[in-house]
PDB file of N, CA and C in Angstrom:
ATOM      1  N   MET A   1     -50.945   7.897  -5.998  1.00  0.00           N
ATOM      2  CA  MET A   1     -50.538   8.180  -4.629  1.00  0.00           C
ATOM      3  C   MET A   1     -50.096   9.641  -4.541  1.00  0.00           C
ATOM      4  N   PRO A   2     -50.575  10.397  -3.531  1.00  0.00           N
ATOM      5  CA  PRO A   2     -50.189  11.806  -3.415  1.00  0.00           C
ATOM      6  C   PRO A   2     -48.721  11.930  -3.026  1.00  0.00           C
ATOM      7  N   PRO A   3     -48.093  13.062  -3.372  1.00  0.00           N
ATOM      8  CA  PRO A   3     -46.687  13.247  -3.006  1.00  0.00           C
ATOM      9  C   PRO A   3     -46.507  13.236  -1.490  1.00  0.00           C
ATOM     10  N   ALA A   4     -45.304  12.891  -1.049  1.00  0.00           N
ATOM     11  CA  ALA A   4     -45.011  12.769   0.390  1.00  0.00           C
ATOM     12  C   ALA A   4     -45.219  14.079   1.124  1.00  0.00           C
ATOM     13  N   PHE A   5     -45.021  15.195   0.466  1.00  0.00           N
ATOM     14  CA  PHE A   5     -45.129  16.481   1.145  1.00  0.00           C
ATOM     15  C   PHE A   5     -46.572  16.982   1.239  1.00  0.00           C
ATOM     16  N   ALA A   6     -47.528  16.253   0.739  1.00  0.00           N
ATOM     17  CA  ALA A   6     -48.924  16.693   0.744  1.00  0.00           C
ATOM     18  C   ALA A   6     -49.461  16.892   2.153  1.00  0.00           C
ATOM     19  N   HIS A   7     -48.891  16.203   3.151  1.00  0.00           N
ATOM     20  CA  HIS A   7     -49.391  16.319   4.511  1.00  0.00           C
ATOM     21  C   HIS A   7     -48.555  17.266   5.375  1.00  0.00           C
ATOM     22  N   GLU A   8     -47.560  17.901   4.774  1.00  0.00           N
ATOM     23  CA  GLU A   8     -46.753  18.849   5.530  1.00  0.00           C
ATOM     24  C   GLU A   8     -47.602  20.060   5.895  1.00  0.00           C
ATOM     25  N   LYS A   9     -47.320  20.602   7.050  1.00  0.00           N
ATOM     26  CA  LYS A   9     -48.021  21.812   7.490  1.00  0.00           C
ATOM     27  C   LYS A   9     -47.671  22.963   6.554  1.00  0.00           C
ATOM     28  N   GLN A  10     -48.651  23.737   6.205  1.00  0.00           N
ATOM     29  CA  GLN A  10     -48.448  24.931   5.403  1.00  0.00           C
ATOM     30  C   GLN A  10     -48.423  26.137   6.344  1.00  0.00           C
ATOM     31  N   TYR A  11     -47.307  26.811   6.384  1.00  0.00           N
ATOM     32  CA  TYR A  11     -47.138  27.976   7.255  1.00  0.00           C
ATOM     33  C   TYR A  11     -47.559  29.233   6.522  1.00  0.00           C
ATOM     34  N   THR A  12     -47.857  30.280   7.299  1.00  0.00           N
ATOM     35  CA  THR A  12     -48.269  31.562   6.738  1.00  0.00           C
ATOM     36  C   THR A  12     -47.451  32.673   7.394  1.00  0.00           C
ATOM     37  N   ILE A  13     -47.698  33.866   6.948  1.00  0.00           N
ATOM     38  CA  ILE A  13     -47.012  35.026   7.513  1.00  0.00           C
ATOM     39  C   ILE A  13     -47.335  35.179   9.005  1.00  0.00           C
ATOM     40  N   ASP A  14     -48.494  34.714   9.420  1.00  0.00           N
ATOM     41  CA  ASP A  14     -48.844  34.766  10.849  1.00  0.00           C
ATOM     42  C   ASP A  14     -47.877  33.924  11.681  1.00  0.00           C
ATOM     43  N   ASP A  15     -47.392  32.818  11.115  1.00  0.00           N
ATOM     44  CA  ASP A  15     -46.415  31.988  11.818  1.00  0.00           C
ATOM     45  C   ASP A  15     -45.074  32.720  11.958  1.00  0.00           C
ATOM     46  N   ILE A  16     -44.713  33.501  10.961  1.00  0.00           N
ATOM     47  CA  ILE A  16     -43.489  34.315  11.053  1.00  0.00           C
ATOM     48  C   ILE A  16     -43.634  35.311  12.199  1.00  0.00           C
ATOM     49  N   TYR A  17     -44.764  36.002  12.236  1.00  0.00           N
ATOM     50  CA  TYR A  17     -44.984  37.009  13.288  1.00  0.00           C
ATOM     51  C   TYR A  17     -45.098  36.376  14.670  1.00  0.00           C
ATOM     52  N   ALA A  18     -45.454  35.113  14.747  1.00  0.00           N
ATOM     53  CA  ALA A  18     -45.614  34.429  16.040  1.00  0.00           C
ATOM     54  C   ALA A  18     -44.309  33.815  16.555  1.00  0.00           C
ATOM     55  N   LEU A  19     -43.227  33.905  15.790  1.00  0.00           N
ATOM     56  CA  LEU A  19     -41.960  33.341  16.253  1.00  0.00           C
ATOM     57  C   LEU A  19     -41.512  34.027  17.539  1.00  0.00           C
ATOM     58  N   PRO A  20     -40.924  33.276  18.454  1.00  0.00           N
ATOM     59  CA  PRO A  20     -40.423  33.890  19.687  1.00  0.00           C
ATOM     60  C   PRO A  20     -39.299  34.881  19.381  1.00  0.00           C
ATOM     61  N   ASP A  21     -39.120  35.842  20.266  1.00  0.00           N
ATOM     62  CA  ASP A  21     -38.037  36.806  20.106  1.00  0.00           C
ATOM     63  C   ASP A  21     -36.716  36.083  19.910  1.00  0.00           C
ATOM     64  N   GLY A  22     -35.936  36.560  18.973  1.00  0.00           N
ATOM     65  CA  GLY A  22     -34.638  35.962  18.715  1.00  0.00           C
ATOM     66  C   GLY A  22     -34.650  34.864  17.672  1.00  0.00           C
ATOM     67  N   LYS A  23     -35.808  34.316  17.343  1.00  0.00           N
ATOM     68  CA  LYS A  23     -35.922  33.280  16.299  1.00  0.00           C
ATOM     69  C   LYS A  23     -36.206  33.977  14.975  1.00  0.00           C
ATOM     70  N   ARG A  24     -35.486  33.561  13.938  1.00  0.00           N
ATOM     71  CA  ARG A  24     -35.705  34.127  12.614  1.00  0.00           C
ATOM     72  C   ARG A  24     -35.915  33.005  11.623  1.00  0.00           C
ATOM     73  N   ALA A  25     -36.803  33.261  10.683  1.00  0.00           N
ATOM     74  CA  ALA A  25     -37.077  32.283   9.630  1.00  0.00           C
ATOM     75  C   ALA A  25     -37.535  33.026   8.390  1.00  0.00           C
ATOM     76  N   GLU A  26     -37.437  32.352   7.267  1.00  0.00           N
ATOM     77  CA  GLU A  26     -37.977  32.863   6.021  1.00  0.00           C
ATOM     78  C   GLU A  26     -39.123  31.946   5.606  1.00  0.00           C
ATOM     79  N   LEU A  27     -40.068  32.495   4.885  1.00  0.00           N
ATOM     80  CA  LEU A  27     -41.250  31.753   4.448  1.00  0.00           C
ATOM     81  C   LEU A  27     -41.240  31.682   2.925  1.00  0.00           C
ATOM     82  N   ILE A  28     -41.219  30.457   2.409  1.00  0.00           N
ATOM     83  CA  ILE A  28     -41.226  30.269   0.958  1.00  0.00           C
ATOM     84  C   ILE A  28     -42.254  29.192   0.635  1.00  0.00           C
ATOM     85  N   ASP A  29     -43.306  29.618  -0.048  1.00  0.00           N
ATOM     86  CA  ASP A  29     -44.367  28.706  -0.497  1.00  0.00           C
ATOM     87  C   ASP A  29     -44.884  27.814   0.620  1.00  0.00           C
ATOM     88  N   GLY A  30     -45.178  28.390   1.766  1.00  0.00           N
ATOM     89  CA  GLY A  30     -45.799  27.656   2.855  1.00  0.00           C
ATOM     90  C   GLY A  30     -44.843  26.897   3.762  1.00  0.00           C
ATOM     91  N   GLN A  31     -43.541  26.993   3.511  1.00  0.00           N
ATOM     92  CA  GLN A  31     -42.561  26.294   4.344  1.00  0.00           C
ATOM     93  C   GLN A  31     -41.673  27.304   5.064  1.00  0.00           C
ATOM     94  N   LEU A  32     -41.402  27.034   6.329  1.00  0.00           N
ATOM     95  CA  LEU A  32     -40.505  27.879   7.111  1.00  0.00           C
ATOM     96  C   LEU A  32     -39.084  27.350   7.005  1.00  0.00           C
ATOM     97  N   TYR A  33     -38.157  28.259   6.838  1.00  0.00           N
ATOM     98  CA  TYR A  33     -36.735  27.931   6.809  1.00  0.00           C
ATOM     99  C   TYR A  33     -36.064  28.747   7.907  1.00  0.00           C
ATOM    100  N   TYR A  34     -35.711  28.067   8.989  1.00  0.00           N
ATOM    101  CA  TYR A  34     -35.116  28.745  10.136  1.00  0.00           C
ATOM    102  C   TYR A  34     -33.685  29.159   9.808  1.00  0.00           C
ATOM    103  N   MET A  35     -33.278  30.277  10.380  1.00  0.00           N
ATOM    104  CA  MET A  35     -31.951  30.815  10.132  1.00  0.00           C
ATOM    105  C   MET A  35     -31.133  30.777  11.414  1.00  0.00           C
ATOM    106  N   ALA A  36     -29.920  30.316  11.283  1.00  0.00           N
ATOM    107  CA  ALA A  36     -29.009  30.282  12.425  1.00  0.00           C
ATOM    108  C   ALA A  36     -28.542  31.710  12.729  1.00  0.00           C
ATOM    109  N   PRO A  37     -28.215  31.977  13.991  1.00  0.00           N
ATOM    110  CA  PRO A  37     -27.682  33.305  14.316  1.00  0.00           C
ATOM    111  C   PRO A  37     -26.360  33.524  13.573  1.00  0.00           C
ATOM    112  N   PRO A  38     -26.132  34.738  13.095  1.00  0.00           N
ATOM    113  CA  PRO A  38     -24.886  35.004  12.377  1.00  0.00           C
ATOM    114  C   PRO A  38     -23.696  35.031  13.329  1.00  0.00           C
ATOM    115  N   ASN A  39     -22.521  34.675  12.791  1.00  0.00           N
ATOM    116  CA  ASN A  39     -21.318  34.727  13.615  1.00  0.00           C
ATOM    117  C   ASN A  39     -20.678  36.117  13.525  1.00  0.00           C
ATOM    118  N   THR A  40     -19.619  36.323  14.272  1.00  0.00           N
ATOM    119  CA  THR A  40     -18.978  37.634  14.351  1.00  0.00           C
ATOM    120  C   THR A  40     -18.427  38.082  13.001  1.00  0.00           C
ATOM    121  N   LYS A  41     -17.787  37.174  12.278  1.00  0.00           N
ATOM    122  CA  LYS A  41     -17.231  37.536  10.974  1.00  0.00           C
ATOM    123  C   LYS A  41     -18.337  37.995  10.024  1.00  0.00           C
ATOM    124  N   HIS A  42     -19.430  37.281  10.019  1.00  0.00           N
ATOM    125  CA  HIS A  42     -20.593  37.641   9.198  1.00  0.00           C
ATOM    126  C   HIS A  42     -21.061  39.051   9.540  1.00  0.00           C
ATOM    127  N   GLN A  43     -21.170  39.352  10.830  1.00  0.00           N
ATOM    128  CA  GLN A  43     -21.661  40.659  11.258  1.00  0.00           C
ATOM    129  C   GLN A  43     -20.678  41.778  10.921  1.00  0.00           C
ATOM    130  N   ARG A  44     -19.383  41.488  10.981  1.00  0.00           N
ATOM    131  CA  ARG A  44     -18.389  42.500  10.592  1.00  0.00           C
ATOM    132  C   ARG A  44     -18.529  42.845   9.109  1.00  0.00           C
ATOM    133  N   ILE A  45     -18.694  41.822   8.282  1.00  0.00           N
ATOM    134  CA  ILE A  45     -18.868  42.049   6.847  1.00  0.00           C
ATOM    135  C   ILE A  45     -20.151  42.826   6.600  1.00  0.00           C
ATOM    136  N   LEU A  46     -21.234  42.425   7.255  1.00  0.00           N
ATOM    137  CA  LEU A  46     -22.514  43.112   7.090  1.00  0.00           C
ATOM    138  C   LEU A  46     -22.398  44.582   7.498  1.00  0.00           C
ATOM    139  N   SER A  47     -21.775  44.846   8.639  1.00  0.00           N
ATOM    140  CA  SER A  47     -21.625  46.227   9.122  1.00  0.00           C
ATOM    141  C   SER A  47     -20.821  47.065   8.145  1.00  0.00           C
ATOM    142  N   PHE A  48     -19.708  46.510   7.662  1.00  0.00           N
ATOM    143  CA  PHE A  48     -18.863  47.234   6.715  1.00  0.00           C
ATOM    144  C   PHE A  48     -19.643  47.591   5.449  1.00  0.00           C
ATOM    145  N   LEU A  49     -20.296  46.595   4.844  1.00  0.00           N
ATOM    146  CA  LEU A  49     -21.030  46.837   3.607  1.00  0.00           C
ATOM    147  C   LEU A  49     -22.184  47.810   3.809  1.00  0.00           C
ATOM    148  N   HIS A  50     -22.915  47.655   4.904  1.00  0.00           N
ATOM    149  CA  HIS A  50     -24.038  48.548   5.185  1.00  0.00           C
ATOM    150  C   HIS A  50     -23.560  49.997   5.300  1.00  0.00           C
ATOM    151  N   LEU A  51     -22.471  50.209   6.024  1.00  0.00           N
ATOM    152  CA  LEU A  51     -21.934  51.563   6.177  1.00  0.00           C
ATOM    153  C   LEU A  51     -21.440  52.134   4.855  1.00  0.00           C
ATOM    154  N   GLU A  52     -20.699  51.331   4.083  1.00  0.00           N
ATOM    155  CA  GLU A  52     -20.163  51.814   2.805  1.00  0.00           C
ATOM    156  C   GLU A  52     -21.279  52.170   1.830  1.00  0.00           C
ATOM    157  N   ILE A  53     -22.261  51.306   1.715  1.00  0.00           N
ATOM    158  CA  ILE A  53     -23.375  51.568   0.798  1.00  0.00           C
ATOM    159  C   ILE A  53     -24.168  52.785   1.273  1.00  0.00           C
ATOM    160  N   GLY A  54     -24.443  52.842   2.577  1.00  0.00           N
ATOM    161  CA  GLY A  54     -25.167  53.988   3.130  1.00  0.00           C
ATOM    162  C   GLY A  54     -24.433  55.301   2.914  1.00  0.00           C
ATOM    163  N   ASN A  55     -23.110  55.287   3.115  1.00  0.00           N
ATOM    164  CA  ASN A  55     -22.312  56.497   2.884  1.00  0.00           C
ATOM    165  C   ASN A  55     -22.357  56.915   1.420  1.00  0.00           C
ATOM    166  N   TYR A  56     -22.257  55.955   0.522  1.00  0.00           N
ATOM    167  CA  TYR A  56     -22.325  56.263  -0.908  1.00  0.00           C
ATOM    168  C   TYR A  56     -23.671  56.903  -1.254  1.00  0.00           C
ATOM    169  N   ILE A  57     -24.742  56.325  -0.758  1.00  0.00           N
ATOM    170  CA  ILE A  57     -26.086  56.861  -1.029  1.00  0.00           C
ATOM    171  C   ILE A  57     -26.197  58.291  -0.494  1.00  0.00           C
ATOM    172  N   ARG A  58     -25.732  58.499   0.732  1.00  0.00           N
ATOM    173  CA  ARG A  58     -25.820  59.829   1.343  1.00  0.00           C
ATOM    174  C   ARG A  58     -24.968  60.849   0.577  1.00  0.00           C
ATOM    175  N   GLU A  59     -23.725  60.475   0.262  1.00  0.00           N
ATOM    176  CA  GLU A  59     -22.814  61.400  -0.429  1.00  0.00           C
ATOM    177  C   GLU A  59     -23.298  61.764  -1.821  1.00  0.00           C
ATOM    178  N   ASN A  60     -24.017  60.865  -2.465  1.00  0.00           N
ATOM    179  CA  ASN A  60     -24.523  61.129  -3.808  1.00  0.00           C
ATOM    180  C   ASN A  60     -25.953  61.645  -3.807  1.00  0.00           C
ATOM    181  N   LYS A  61     -26.453  61.936  -2.615  1.00  0.00           N
ATOM    182  CA  LYS A  61     -27.788  62.509  -2.436  1.00  0.00           C
ATOM    183  C   LYS A  61     -28.874  61.719  -3.162  1.00  0.00           C
ATOM    184  N   GLU A  62     -28.717  60.406  -3.123  1.00  0.00           N
ATOM    185  CA  GLU A  62     -29.716  59.522  -3.726  1.00  0.00           C
ATOM    186  C   GLU A  62     -30.908  59.395  -2.773  1.00  0.00           C
ATOM    187  N   THR A  63     -32.045  59.038  -3.314  1.00  0.00           N
ATOM    188  CA  THR A  63     -33.227  58.805  -2.476  1.00  0.00           C
ATOM    189  C   THR A  63     -33.372  57.336  -2.118  1.00  0.00           C
ATOM    190  N   TYR A  64     -32.369  56.539  -2.482  1.00  0.00           N
ATOM    191  CA  TYR A  64     -32.404  55.119  -2.171  1.00  0.00           C
ATOM    192  C   TYR A  64     -32.291  54.917  -0.666  1.00  0.00           C
ATOM    193  N   GLU A  65     -32.658  53.725  -0.230  1.00  0.00           N
ATOM    194  CA  GLU A  65     -32.486  53.366   1.177  1.00  0.00           C
ATOM    195  C   GLU A  65     -31.843  51.998   1.271  1.00  0.00           C
ATOM    196  N   VAL A  66     -31.013  51.819   2.301  1.00  0.00           N
ATOM    197  CA  VAL A  66     -30.340  50.551   2.532  1.00  0.00           C
ATOM    198  C   VAL A  66     -30.736  50.049   3.915  1.00  0.00           C
ATOM    199  N   PHE A  67     -31.066  48.766   3.989  1.00  0.00           N
ATOM    200  CA  PHE A  67     -31.508  48.156   5.246  1.00  0.00           C
ATOM    201  C   PHE A  67     -30.727  46.875   5.507  1.00  0.00           C
ATOM    202  N   PRO A  68     -30.155  46.749   6.720  1.00  0.00           N
ATOM    203  CA  PRO A  68     -29.529  45.475   7.089  1.00  0.00           C
ATOM    204  C   PRO A  68     -30.581  44.539   7.678  1.00  0.00           C
ATOM    205  N   ALA A  69     -30.293  43.256   7.681  1.00  0.00           N
ATOM    206  CA  ALA A  69     -31.185  42.279   8.313  1.00  0.00           C
ATOM    207  C   ALA A  69     -31.182  42.515   9.817  1.00  0.00           C
ATOM    208  N   PRO A  70     -32.258  42.223  10.479  1.00  0.00           N
ATOM    209  CA  PRO A  70     -33.504  41.694   9.914  1.00  0.00           C
ATOM    210  C   PRO A  70     -34.363  42.805   9.312  1.00  0.00           C
ATOM    211  N   PHE A  71     -34.760  42.621   8.086  1.00  0.00           N
ATOM    212  CA  PHE A  71     -35.628  43.553   7.375  1.00  0.00           C
ATOM    213  C   PHE A  71     -36.541  42.729   6.479  1.00  0.00           C
ATOM    214  N   ALA A  72     -37.829  42.934   6.602  1.00  0.00           N
ATOM    215  CA  ALA A  72     -38.828  42.121   5.916  1.00  0.00           C
ATOM    216  C   ALA A  72     -38.932  42.480   4.441  1.00  0.00           C
ATOM    217  N   VAL A  73     -38.862  41.439   3.608  1.00  0.00           N
ATOM    218  CA  VAL A  73     -39.089  41.577   2.172  1.00  0.00           C
ATOM    219  C   VAL A  73     -40.215  40.615   1.804  1.00  0.00           C
ATOM    220  N   PHE A  74     -41.304  41.178   1.305  1.00  0.00           N
ATOM    221  CA  PHE A  74     -42.465  40.406   0.882  1.00  0.00           C
ATOM    222  C   PHE A  74     -42.428  40.323  -0.645  1.00  0.00           C
ATOM    223  N   LEU A  75     -42.106  39.142  -1.171  1.00  0.00           N
ATOM    224  CA  LEU A  75     -41.936  39.001  -2.617  1.00  0.00           C
ATOM    225  C   LEU A  75     -43.226  38.692  -3.359  1.00  0.00           C
ATOM    226  N   SER A  76     -44.286  38.382  -2.643  1.00  0.00           N
ATOM    227  CA  SER A  76     -45.556  38.072  -3.310  1.00  0.00           C
ATOM    228  C   SER A  76     -46.685  38.827  -2.620  1.00  0.00           C
ATOM    229  N   ALA A  77     -47.694  39.164  -3.396  1.00  0.00           N
ATOM    230  CA  ALA A  77     -48.824  39.929  -2.859  1.00  0.00           C
ATOM    231  C   ALA A  77     -49.576  39.158  -1.780  1.00  0.00           C
ATOM    232  N   ASP A  78     -49.549  37.818  -1.856  1.00  0.00           N
ATOM    233  CA  ASP A  78     -50.263  37.009  -0.861  1.00  0.00           C
ATOM    234  C   ASP A  78     -49.400  36.680   0.364  1.00  0.00           C
ATOM    235  N   ASN A  79     -48.222  37.292   0.463  1.00  0.00           N
ATOM    236  CA  ASN A  79     -47.298  37.092   1.591  1.00  0.00           C
ATOM    237  C   ASN A  79     -46.814  35.654   1.739  1.00  0.00           C
ATOM    238  N   SER A  80     -46.813  34.887   0.654  1.00  0.00           N
ATOM    239  CA  SER A  80     -46.336  33.504   0.738  1.00  0.00           C
ATOM    240  C   SER A  80     -44.813  33.406   0.604  1.00  0.00           C
ATOM    241  N   LYS A  81     -44.190  34.520   0.271  1.00  0.00           N
ATOM    242  CA  LYS A  81     -42.724  34.569   0.181  1.00  0.00           C
ATOM    243  C   LYS A  81     -42.231  35.751   1.013  1.00  0.00           C
ATOM    244  N   TYR A  82     -41.679  35.421   2.172  1.00  0.00           N
ATOM    245  CA  TYR A  82     -41.153  36.408   3.116  1.00  0.00           C
ATOM    246  C   TYR A  82     -39.681  36.090   3.344  1.00  0.00           C
ATOM    247  N   LEU A  83     -38.814  37.046   3.034  1.00  0.00           N
ATOM    248  CA  LEU A  83     -37.375  36.835   3.169  1.00  0.00           C
ATOM    249  C   LEU A  83     -36.750  37.951   3.991  1.00  0.00           C
ATOM    250  N   GLU A  84     -35.561  37.685   4.495  1.00  0.00           N
ATOM    251  CA  GLU A  84     -34.774  38.679   5.214  1.00  0.00           C
ATOM    252  C   GLU A  84     -33.344  38.661   4.683  1.00  0.00           C
ATOM    253  N   PRO A  85     -33.103  39.295   3.520  1.00  0.00           N
ATOM    254  CA  PRO A  85     -31.734  39.329   3.001  1.00  0.00           C
ATOM    255  C   PRO A  85     -30.804  40.045   3.982  1.00  0.00           C
ATOM    256  N   ASP A  86     -29.521  39.739   3.911  1.00  0.00           N
ATOM    257  CA  ASP A  86     -28.573  40.405   4.805  1.00  0.00           C
ATOM    258  C   ASP A  86     -28.577  41.915   4.592  1.00  0.00           C
ATOM    259  N   ILE A  87     -28.594  42.348   3.345  1.00  0.00           N
ATOM    260  CA  ILE A  87     -28.670  43.778   3.020  1.00  0.00           C
ATOM    261  C   ILE A  87     -29.633  43.939   1.854  1.00  0.00           C
ATOM    262  N   SER A  88     -30.526  44.910   1.984  1.00  0.00           N
ATOM    263  CA  SER A  88     -31.481  45.234   0.916  1.00  0.00           C
ATOM    264  C   SER A  88     -31.335  46.702   0.555  1.00  0.00           C
ATOM    265  N   VAL A  89     -31.227  46.986  -0.739  1.00  0.00           N
ATOM    266  CA  VAL A  89     -31.200  48.366  -1.223  1.00  0.00           C
ATOM    267  C   VAL A  89     -32.468  48.562  -2.045  1.00  0.00           C
ATOM    268  N   ILE A  90     -33.225  49.590  -1.665  1.00  0.00           N
ATOM    269  CA  ILE A  90     -34.485  49.876  -2.348  1.00  0.00           C
ATOM    270  C   ILE A  90     -34.371  51.247  -2.995  1.00  0.00           C
ATOM    271  N   CYS A  91     -34.544  51.292  -4.314  1.00  0.00           N
ATOM    272  CA  CYS A  91     -34.488  52.544  -5.055  1.00  0.00           C
ATOM    273  C   CYS A  91     -35.870  53.171  -5.222  1.00  0.00           C
ATOM    274  N   ASP A  92     -36.893  52.344  -5.271  1.00  0.00           N
ATOM    275  CA  ASP A  92     -38.272  52.820  -5.406  1.00  0.00           C
ATOM    276  C   ASP A  92     -38.904  52.851  -4.021  1.00  0.00           C
ATOM    277  N   ILE A  93     -38.907  54.025  -3.393  1.00  0.00           N
ATOM    278  CA  ILE A  93     -39.390  54.110  -2.009  1.00  0.00           C
ATOM    279  C   ILE A  93     -40.888  53.828  -1.892  1.00  0.00           C
ATOM    280  N   ASN A  94     -41.590  53.763  -3.016  1.00  0.00           N
ATOM    281  CA  ASN A  94     -43.009  53.406  -2.975  1.00  0.00           C
ATOM    282  C   ASN A  94     -43.208  51.941  -2.587  1.00  0.00           C
ATOM    283  N   LYS A  95     -42.143  51.131  -2.636  1.00  0.00           N
ATOM    284  CA  LYS A  95     -42.224  49.728  -2.221  1.00  0.00           C
ATOM    285  C   LYS A  95     -42.196  49.591  -0.697  1.00  0.00           C
ATOM    286  N   LEU A  96     -41.876  50.672   0.003  1.00  0.00           N
ATOM    287  CA  LEU A  96     -41.674  50.611   1.452  1.00  0.00           C
ATOM    288  C   LEU A  96     -42.900  51.043   2.229  1.00  0.00           C
ATOM    289  N   ASN A  97     -43.141  50.345   3.329  1.00  0.00           N
ATOM    290  CA  ASN A  97     -44.095  50.802   4.335  1.00  0.00           C
ATOM    291  C   ASN A  97     -43.559  50.392   5.705  1.00  0.00           C
ATOM    292  N   ASP A  98     -44.344  50.552   6.738  1.00  0.00           N
ATOM    293  CA  ASP A  98     -43.875  50.252   8.090  1.00  0.00           C
ATOM    294  C   ASP A  98     -43.554  48.782   8.316  1.00  0.00           C
ATOM    295  N   HIS A  99     -44.025  47.894   7.435  1.00  0.00           N
ATOM    296  CA  HIS A  99     -43.781  46.458   7.592  1.00  0.00           C
ATOM    297  C   HIS A  99     -42.555  45.974   6.838  1.00  0.00           C
ATOM    298  N   GLY A 100     -42.051  46.756   5.879  1.00  0.00           N
ATOM    299  CA  GLY A 100     -40.888  46.343   5.108  1.00  0.00           C
ATOM    300  C   GLY A 100     -41.009  46.727   3.659  1.00  0.00           C
ATOM    301  N   CYS A 101     -40.436  45.892   2.799  1.00  0.00           N
ATOM    302  CA  CYS A 101     -40.432  46.120   1.357  1.00  0.00           C
ATOM    303  C   CYS A 101     -41.414  45.164   0.695  1.00  0.00           C
ATOM    304  N   HIS A 102     -42.295  45.716  -0.119  1.00  0.00           N
ATOM    305  CA  HIS A 102     -43.281  44.906  -0.842  1.00  0.00           C
ATOM    306  C   HIS A 102     -42.876  44.863  -2.307  1.00  0.00           C
ATOM    307  N   GLY A 103     -42.330  43.734  -2.711  1.00  0.00           N
ATOM    308  CA  GLY A 103     -41.749  43.564  -4.033  1.00  0.00           C
ATOM    309  C   GLY A 103     -40.247  43.389  -3.870  1.00  0.00           C
ATOM    310  N   ALA A 104     -39.602  43.068  -4.951  1.00  0.00           N
ATOM    311  CA  ALA A 104     -38.170  42.785  -4.884  1.00  0.00           C
ATOM    312  C   ALA A 104     -37.360  44.059  -4.665  1.00  0.00           C
ATOM    313  N   PRO A 105     -36.411  44.025  -3.724  1.00  0.00           N
ATOM    314  CA  PRO A 105     -35.472  45.142  -3.612  1.00  0.00           C
ATOM    315  C   PRO A 105     -34.674  45.248  -4.913  1.00  0.00           C
ATOM    316  N   ASP A 106     -34.088  46.400  -5.129  1.00  0.00           N
ATOM    317  CA  ASP A 106     -33.313  46.595  -6.349  1.00  0.00           C
ATOM    318  C   ASP A 106     -31.941  45.929  -6.275  1.00  0.00           C
ATOM    319  N   TRP A 107     -31.468  45.703  -5.061  1.00  0.00           N
ATOM    320  CA  TRP A 107     -30.180  45.036  -4.866  1.00  0.00           C
ATOM    321  C   TRP A 107     -30.236  44.335  -3.518  1.00  0.00           C
ATOM    322  N   VAL A 108     -29.871  43.082  -3.495  1.00  0.00           N
ATOM    323  CA  VAL A 108     -29.756  42.357  -2.222  1.00  0.00           C
ATOM    324  C   VAL A 108     -28.363  41.753  -2.135  1.00  0.00           C
ATOM    325  N   ILE A 109     -27.885  41.689  -0.922  1.00  0.00           N
ATOM    326  CA  ILE A 109     -26.602  41.050  -0.645  1.00  0.00           C
ATOM    327  C   ILE A 109     -26.849  39.988   0.409  1.00  0.00           C
ATOM    328  N   GLU A 110     -26.402  38.793   0.124  1.00  0.00           N
ATOM    329  CA  GLU A 110     -26.490  37.684   1.067  1.00  0.00           C
ATOM    330  C   GLU A 110     -25.065  37.264   1.380  1.00  0.00           C
ATOM    331  N   ILE A 111     -24.691  37.333   2.625  1.00  0.00           N
ATOM    332  CA  ILE A 111     -23.348  36.966   3.055  1.00  0.00           C
ATOM    333  C   ILE A 111     -23.348  35.486   3.377  1.00  0.00           C
ATOM    334  N   VAL A 112     -22.536  34.757   2.676  1.00  0.00           N
ATOM    335  CA  VAL A 112     -22.483  33.302   2.841  1.00  0.00           C
ATOM    336  C   VAL A 112     -21.417  32.967   3.880  1.00  0.00           C
ATOM    337  N   SER A 113     -21.842  32.238   4.892  1.00  0.00           N
ATOM    338  CA  SER A 113     -20.935  31.819   5.954  1.00  0.00           C
ATOM    339  C   SER A 113     -20.754  30.316   5.884  1.00  0.00           C
ATOM    340  N   PRO A 114     -19.576  29.837   6.264  1.00  0.00           N
ATOM    341  CA  PRO A 114     -19.398  28.377   6.301  1.00  0.00           C
ATOM    342  C   PRO A 114     -20.378  27.756   7.279  1.00  0.00           C
ATOM    343  N   ARG A 115     -20.901  26.639   6.916  1.00  0.00           N
ATOM    344  CA  ARG A 115     -21.857  25.934   7.781  1.00  0.00           C
ATOM    345  C   ARG A 115     -21.117  25.362   8.984  1.00  0.00           C
ATOM    346  N   LEU A 116     -21.709  25.539  10.137  1.00  0.00           N
ATOM    347  CA  LEU A 116     -21.128  24.976  11.346  1.00  0.00           C
ATOM    348  C   LEU A 116     -21.534  23.515  11.442  1.00  0.00           C
ATOM    349  N   LEU A 117     -20.586  22.658  11.561  1.00  0.00           N
ATOM    350  CA  LEU A 117     -20.860  21.224  11.658  1.00  0.00           C
ATOM    351  C   LEU A 117     -20.686  20.777  13.102  1.00  0.00           C
ATOM    352  N   THR A 118     -21.597  19.952  13.555  1.00  0.00           N
ATOM    353  CA  THR A 118     -21.460  19.383  14.888  1.00  0.00           C
ATOM    354  C   THR A 118     -21.101  17.908  14.738  1.00  0.00           C
ATOM    355  N   GLN A 119     -20.332  17.426  15.667  1.00  0.00           N
ATOM    356  CA  GLN A 119     -19.927  16.030  15.593  1.00  0.00           C
ATOM    357  C   GLN A 119     -20.537  15.247  16.705  1.00  0.00           C
TER     358      GLN A 119
END
């Protein structure tokens, strides 16, 4: 008997690009994982870290770049793994193009927020 997931729809990068404005998802091995909008505390932490890291890079005259989400990270050549880390630092600028980062960033930060429960 085939596994239960054999009939699940397989999504592609085209499905990511077709998402309505304001909807965000990550693509991992053909499955979409929708992301909830971040809360204010999450955004304050993201803003603080992005500014601090960016200032450090600028002050040390590094050629690195720092990007806050939403920023596309393509982890596989076939685009089957598309992620949007909260913060991505790329040291090898050859990984960058107009679509995002192709390959793993050198440093990623994911801000973990408590899950909102509904009753």
